[in-house]
């Protein structure tokens, strides 16, 4: 599976961004998907994930602000980010997983700054 993220950028605190991740190379609907983020000095951390049957979970820090969704017909997973905070600044990575195999995109930078 190949993954390609888009939608990152610079946004002011309180603003919104929507990240997209397009998958290719296999049947997308069979995979669990997720978004992770990483910034210098900190390990990559889970932001949100969705199982192939639709169950979701979120990091405590983003609950109520971020929403993960998927469109299997378009082989795309989304991350809607609202009420962005300075501490949300990071490189965001898309993940697809199945039977213990993990696949990653190249990452997209999100910068929250006034």
N, C-alpha and C. Protein backbone atom coordinates (compact mmCIF):
# COMPACT_ATOMS: atom_id res chain seq x y z
N UNK A 1 0.85 -1.19 0.00
CA UNK A 1 0.00 0.00 0.00
C UNK A 1 0.88 1.24 0.00
N UNK A 2 0.56 2.18 -0.87
CA UNK A 2 1.25 3.48 -0.89
C UNK A 2 0.27 4.54 -0.40
N UNK A 3 0.80 5.45 0.41
CA UNK A 3 -0.03 6.49 1.02
C UNK A 3 0.53 7.86 0.70
N UNK A 4 -0.34 8.82 0.42
CA UNK A 4 0.09 10.18 0.11
C UNK A 4 -0.80 11.17 0.82
N UNK A 5 -0.20 11.92 1.76
CA UNK A 5 -0.95 12.92 2.52
C UNK A 5 -0.94 14.26 1.81
N UNK A 6 -1.94 15.06 2.13
CA UNK A 6 -2.00 16.45 1.68
C UNK A 6 -2.87 17.23 2.64
N UNK A 7 -2.81 18.56 2.51
CA UNK A 7 -3.70 19.40 3.30
C UNK A 7 -3.05 20.13 4.45
N UNK A 8 -1.78 19.87 4.70
CA UNK A 8 -1.11 20.58 5.78
C UNK A 8 -0.87 22.04 5.40
N UNK A 9 -0.43 22.81 6.39
CA UNK A 9 -0.14 24.22 6.12
C UNK A 9 -0.03 25.01 7.39
N UNK A 10 -0.07 26.32 7.24
CA UNK A 10 0.03 27.25 8.36
C UNK A 10 -1.37 27.77 8.70
N UNK A 11 -1.70 27.72 9.98
CA UNK A 11 -3.03 28.16 10.41
C UNK A 11 -2.89 28.86 11.76
N UNK A 12 -3.76 29.81 12.02
CA UNK A 12 -3.75 30.52 13.30
C UNK A 12 -4.42 29.69 14.38
N UNK A 13 -4.07 29.92 15.62
CA UNK A 13 -4.77 29.23 16.72
C UNK A 13 -6.27 29.43 16.62
N UNK A 14 -7.01 28.35 16.85
CA UNK A 14 -8.46 28.40 16.73
C UNK A 14 -8.97 28.06 15.34
N UNK A 15 -8.07 27.98 14.39
CA UNK A 15 -8.45 27.69 13.02
C UNK A 15 -8.65 26.20 12.76
N UNK A 16 -8.91 25.88 11.49
CA UNK A 16 -9.20 24.50 11.09
C UNK A 16 -8.38 24.12 9.87
N UNK A 17 -8.09 22.84 9.77
CA UNK A 17 -7.47 22.25 8.60
C UNK A 17 -8.06 20.86 8.40
N UNK A 18 -8.07 20.42 7.16
CA UNK A 18 -8.50 19.05 6.87
C UNK A 18 -7.40 18.35 6.08
N UNK A 19 -6.87 17.30 6.66
CA UNK A 19 -5.85 16.50 6.01
C UNK A 19 -6.50 15.36 5.24
N UNK A 20 -5.88 15.01 4.13
CA UNK A 20 -6.34 13.89 3.32
C UNK A 20 -5.18 12.93 3.09
N UNK A 21 -5.52 11.67 2.94
CA UNK A 21 -4.51 10.65 2.65
C UNK A 21 -5.12 9.67 1.65
N UNK A 22 -4.52 9.64 0.47
CA UNK A 22 -5.01 8.75 -0.58
C UNK A 22 -4.14 7.50 -0.62
N UNK A 23 -4.78 6.35 -0.64
CA UNK A 23 -4.09 5.06 -0.66
C UNK A 23 -4.19 4.43 -2.04
N UNK A 24 -3.17 3.68 -2.37
CA UNK A 24 -3.19 2.93 -3.63
C UNK A 24 -2.44 1.62 -3.44
N UNK A 25 -2.75 0.66 -4.26
CA UNK A 25 -1.98 -0.57 -4.26
C UNK A 25 -2.66 -1.79 -3.66
N UNK A 26 -3.80 -1.59 -3.00
CA UNK A 26 -4.52 -2.74 -2.43
C UNK A 26 -5.95 -2.31 -2.14
N UNK A 27 -6.72 -3.22 -1.59
CA UNK A 27 -8.12 -2.93 -1.27
C UNK A 27 -8.16 -2.15 0.03
N UNK A 28 -8.38 -0.87 -0.09
CA UNK A 28 -8.29 0.05 1.05
C UNK A 28 -9.23 -0.34 2.18
N UNK A 29 -10.41 -0.82 1.84
CA UNK A 29 -11.43 -1.11 2.85
C UNK A 29 -10.99 -2.20 3.83
N UNK A 30 -9.99 -2.98 3.48
CA UNK A 30 -9.54 -4.07 4.34
C UNK A 30 -8.61 -3.59 5.46
N UNK A 31 -8.18 -2.35 5.36
CA UNK A 31 -7.14 -1.85 6.27
C UNK A 31 -7.72 -0.99 7.38
N UNK A 32 -7.11 -1.11 8.55
CA UNK A 32 -7.30 -0.09 9.56
C UNK A 32 -6.45 1.12 9.17
N UNK A 33 -6.89 2.31 9.56
CA UNK A 33 -6.17 3.52 9.18
C UNK A 33 -6.01 4.42 10.40
N UNK A 34 -5.04 5.29 10.32
CA UNK A 34 -4.82 6.21 11.44
C UNK A 34 -4.00 7.40 11.03
N UNK A 35 -3.99 8.39 11.90
CA UNK A 35 -3.14 9.57 11.79
C UNK A 35 -2.27 9.65 13.03
N UNK A 36 -1.00 9.91 12.80
CA UNK A 36 -0.02 10.09 13.86
C UNK A 36 0.67 11.43 13.64
N UNK A 37 1.33 11.92 14.68
CA UNK A 37 2.09 13.15 14.52
C UNK A 37 3.41 13.06 15.26
N UNK A 38 4.35 13.86 14.79
CA UNK A 38 5.70 13.83 15.34
C UNK A 38 6.29 15.22 15.26
N UNK A 39 6.97 15.62 16.33
CA UNK A 39 7.75 16.87 16.25
C UNK A 39 9.09 16.64 16.92
N UNK A 40 10.05 17.52 16.65
CA UNK A 40 11.42 17.31 17.12
C UNK A 40 11.49 17.05 18.61
N UNK A 41 12.19 15.99 18.96
CA UNK A 41 12.38 15.67 20.37
C UNK A 41 11.31 14.79 20.96
N UNK A 42 10.28 14.51 20.18
CA UNK A 42 9.19 13.67 20.69
C UNK A 42 8.94 12.51 19.74
N UNK A 43 8.59 11.35 20.28
CA UNK A 43 8.30 10.20 19.42
C UNK A 43 6.98 10.39 18.67
N UNK A 44 6.83 9.64 17.61
CA UNK A 44 5.59 9.68 16.85
C UNK A 44 4.45 9.16 17.74
N UNK A 45 3.36 9.92 17.75
CA UNK A 45 2.24 9.59 18.63
C UNK A 45 0.94 9.44 17.85
N UNK A 46 0.10 8.55 18.33
CA UNK A 46 -1.20 8.37 17.71
C UNK A 46 -2.08 9.59 17.94
N UNK A 47 -2.74 10.05 16.88
CA UNK A 47 -3.72 11.12 16.99
C UNK A 47 -5.13 10.54 16.93
N UNK A 48 -5.39 9.73 15.92
CA UNK A 48 -6.71 9.13 15.75
C UNK A 48 -6.57 7.90 14.89
N UNK A 49 -7.47 6.94 15.08
CA UNK A 49 -7.44 5.77 14.23
C UNK A 49 -8.85 5.24 14.00
N UNK A 50 -9.00 4.53 12.92
CA UNK A 50 -10.29 3.96 12.56
C UNK A 50 -10.05 2.54 12.06
N UNK A 51 -10.77 1.60 12.64
CA UNK A 51 -10.67 0.22 12.21
C UNK A 51 -11.42 0.02 10.90
N UNK A 52 -11.20 -1.11 10.25
CA UNK A 52 -11.84 -1.29 8.96
C UNK A 52 -13.36 -1.39 9.09
N UNK A 53 -13.87 -1.72 10.28
CA UNK A 53 -15.33 -1.77 10.46
C UNK A 53 -15.90 -0.45 10.96
N UNK A 54 -15.02 0.56 11.14
CA UNK A 54 -15.51 1.90 11.45
C UNK A 54 -15.31 2.39 12.87
N UNK A 55 -14.91 1.53 13.79
CA UNK A 55 -14.65 1.98 15.15
C UNK A 55 -13.51 2.96 15.20
N UNK A 56 -13.62 3.97 16.08
CA UNK A 56 -12.60 5.02 16.15
C UNK A 56 -12.08 5.20 17.56
N UNK A 57 -10.87 5.74 17.65
CA UNK A 57 -10.33 6.16 18.94
C UNK A 57 -9.44 7.38 18.70
N UNK A 58 -9.31 8.20 19.75
CA UNK A 58 -8.58 9.46 19.64
C UNK A 58 -7.65 9.63 20.83
N UNK A 59 -6.56 10.35 20.59
CA UNK A 59 -5.73 10.79 21.69
C UNK A 59 -6.54 11.75 22.56
N UNK A 60 -6.31 11.71 23.86
CA UNK A 60 -7.05 12.57 24.78
C UNK A 60 -6.92 14.03 24.40
N UNK A 61 -5.75 14.42 23.94
CA UNK A 61 -5.47 15.83 23.64
C UNK A 61 -6.27 16.38 22.46
N UNK A 62 -6.83 15.50 21.63
CA UNK A 62 -7.55 15.98 20.45
C UNK A 62 -9.04 15.63 20.48
N UNK A 63 -9.48 14.90 21.48
CA UNK A 63 -10.90 14.51 21.56
C UNK A 63 -11.78 15.74 21.55
N UNK A 64 -12.82 15.68 20.74
CA UNK A 64 -13.76 16.79 20.64
C UNK A 64 -13.33 17.86 19.66
N UNK A 65 -12.08 17.81 19.19
CA UNK A 65 -11.58 18.81 18.24
C UNK A 65 -11.27 18.19 16.87
N UNK A 66 -10.76 16.96 16.87
CA UNK A 66 -10.39 16.30 15.63
C UNK A 66 -11.38 15.18 15.32
N UNK A 67 -11.52 14.89 14.04
CA UNK A 67 -12.41 13.82 13.62
C UNK A 67 -11.79 13.06 12.43
N UNK A 68 -11.71 11.75 12.57
CA UNK A 68 -11.18 10.90 11.49
C UNK A 68 -12.35 10.30 10.73
N UNK A 69 -12.20 10.22 9.43
CA UNK A 69 -13.23 9.60 8.60
C UNK A 69 -12.56 8.96 7.40
N UNK A 70 -13.32 8.12 6.71
CA UNK A 70 -12.76 7.46 5.53
C UNK A 70 -13.82 7.32 4.45
N UNK A 71 -13.36 7.34 3.22
CA UNK A 71 -14.22 7.09 2.07
C UNK A 71 -13.56 5.95 1.30
N UNK A 72 -14.08 4.76 1.50
CA UNK A 72 -13.46 3.59 0.88
C UNK A 72 -13.57 3.62 -0.65
N UNK A 73 -14.61 4.23 -1.16
CA UNK A 73 -14.76 4.34 -2.62
C UNK A 73 -13.64 5.19 -3.23
N UNK A 74 -13.14 6.14 -2.46
CA UNK A 74 -12.06 7.00 -2.93
C UNK A 74 -10.71 6.59 -2.35
N UNK A 75 -10.69 5.50 -1.58
CA UNK A 75 -9.45 5.04 -0.94
C UNK A 75 -8.76 6.17 -0.19
N UNK A 76 -9.54 6.91 0.57
CA UNK A 76 -9.04 8.12 1.23
C UNK A 76 -9.46 8.14 2.69
N UNK A 77 -8.53 8.56 3.53
CA UNK A 77 -8.84 8.81 4.94
C UNK A 77 -8.58 10.29 5.22
N UNK A 78 -9.42 10.87 6.05
CA UNK A 78 -9.38 12.29 6.35
C UNK A 78 -9.14 12.52 7.84
N UNK A 79 -8.59 13.67 8.14
CA UNK A 79 -8.52 14.13 9.52
C UNK A 79 -8.97 15.58 9.54
N UNK A 80 -10.16 15.81 10.06
CA UNK A 80 -10.68 17.17 10.24
C UNK A 80 -10.17 17.68 11.58
N UNK A 81 -9.46 18.80 11.55
CA UNK A 81 -8.88 19.37 12.76
C UNK A 81 -9.48 20.75 12.99
N UNK A 82 -10.18 20.90 14.10
CA UNK A 82 -10.80 22.16 14.47
C UNK A 82 -10.20 22.68 15.77
N UNK A 83 -10.41 23.95 16.03
CA UNK A 83 -9.92 24.59 17.27
C UNK A 83 -8.44 24.27 17.49
N UNK A 84 -7.66 24.47 16.46
CA UNK A 84 -6.25 24.10 16.53
C UNK A 84 -5.51 24.94 17.56
N UNK A 85 -4.56 24.28 18.21
CA UNK A 85 -3.75 24.90 19.25
C UNK A 85 -2.27 24.91 18.82
N UNK A 86 -1.51 25.75 19.47
CA UNK A 86 -0.08 25.82 19.16
C UNK A 86 0.58 24.45 19.27
N UNK A 87 0.15 23.68 20.27
CA UNK A 87 0.77 22.38 20.52
C UNK A 87 0.37 21.30 19.51
N UNK A 88 -0.52 21.64 18.58
CA UNK A 88 -0.86 20.70 17.51
C UNK A 88 0.17 20.76 16.37
N UNK A 89 1.07 21.71 16.44
CA UNK A 89 2.11 21.81 15.42
C UNK A 89 2.96 20.55 15.38
N UNK A 90 3.06 19.95 14.20
CA UNK A 90 3.80 18.70 14.04
C UNK A 90 3.76 18.29 12.57
N UNK A 91 4.53 17.26 12.25
CA UNK A 91 4.36 16.57 10.98
C UNK A 91 3.35 15.46 11.21
N UNK A 92 2.34 15.43 10.37
CA UNK A 92 1.26 14.45 10.50
C UNK A 92 1.45 13.35 9.46
N UNK A 93 1.37 12.12 9.93
CA UNK A 93 1.58 10.95 9.08
C UNK A 93 0.32 10.10 9.01
N UNK A 94 0.03 9.64 7.83
CA UNK A 94 -1.05 8.70 7.61
C UNK A 94 -0.52 7.29 7.76
N UNK A 95 -1.33 6.42 8.33
CA UNK A 95 -0.94 5.02 8.56
C UNK A 95 -2.05 4.10 8.08
N UNK A 96 -1.64 3.00 7.47
CA UNK A 96 -2.57 1.92 7.14
C UNK A 96 -1.98 0.63 7.69
N UNK A 97 -2.84 -0.22 8.22
CA UNK A 97 -2.33 -1.43 8.85
C UNK A 97 -3.27 -2.60 8.61
N UNK A 98 -2.65 -3.80 8.51
CA UNK A 98 -3.44 -5.01 8.31
C UNK A 98 -2.57 -6.21 8.66
N UNK A 99 -3.06 -7.03 9.54
CA UNK A 99 -2.36 -8.26 9.94
C UNK A 99 -0.93 -7.98 10.39
N UNK A 100 -0.76 -6.91 11.13
CA UNK A 100 0.55 -6.58 11.68
C UNK A 100 1.48 -5.84 10.75
N UNK A 101 1.11 -5.65 9.51
CA UNK A 101 1.92 -4.87 8.58
C UNK A 101 1.50 -3.41 8.63
N UNK A 102 2.51 -2.54 8.69
CA UNK A 102 2.25 -1.10 8.79
C UNK A 102 2.77 -0.39 7.54
N UNK A 103 2.03 0.61 7.10
CA UNK A 103 2.43 1.40 5.95
C UNK A 103 2.27 2.88 6.32
N UNK A 104 3.21 3.70 5.84
CA UNK A 104 3.23 5.12 6.21
C UNK A 104 3.33 6.00 4.98
N UNK A 105 2.72 7.18 5.10
CA UNK A 105 2.92 8.21 4.10
C UNK A 105 4.18 9.00 4.42
N UNK A 106 4.42 10.02 3.60
CA UNK A 106 5.65 10.81 3.74
C UNK A 106 5.51 11.93 4.76
N UNK A 107 4.29 12.20 5.18
CA UNK A 107 4.04 13.22 6.19
C UNK A 107 3.68 14.56 5.58
N UNK A 108 2.90 15.33 6.32
CA UNK A 108 2.54 16.69 5.91
C UNK A 108 2.66 17.60 7.13
N UNK A 109 3.27 18.75 6.94
CA UNK A 109 3.54 19.67 8.05
C UNK A 109 2.30 20.49 8.38
N UNK A 110 1.96 20.52 9.65
CA UNK A 110 0.92 21.41 10.16
C UNK A 110 1.58 22.35 11.16
N UNK A 111 1.44 23.64 10.92
CA UNK A 111 2.02 24.64 11.80
C UNK A 111 0.91 25.56 12.29
N UNK A 112 0.75 25.62 13.60
CA UNK A 112 -0.24 26.50 14.21
C UNK A 112 0.53 27.65 14.86
N UNK A 113 0.30 28.84 14.33
CA UNK A 113 1.07 29.99 14.80
C UNK A 113 0.29 31.27 14.56
N UNK A 114 0.46 32.22 15.47
CA UNK A 114 -0.18 33.51 15.28
C UNK A 114 0.78 34.48 14.60
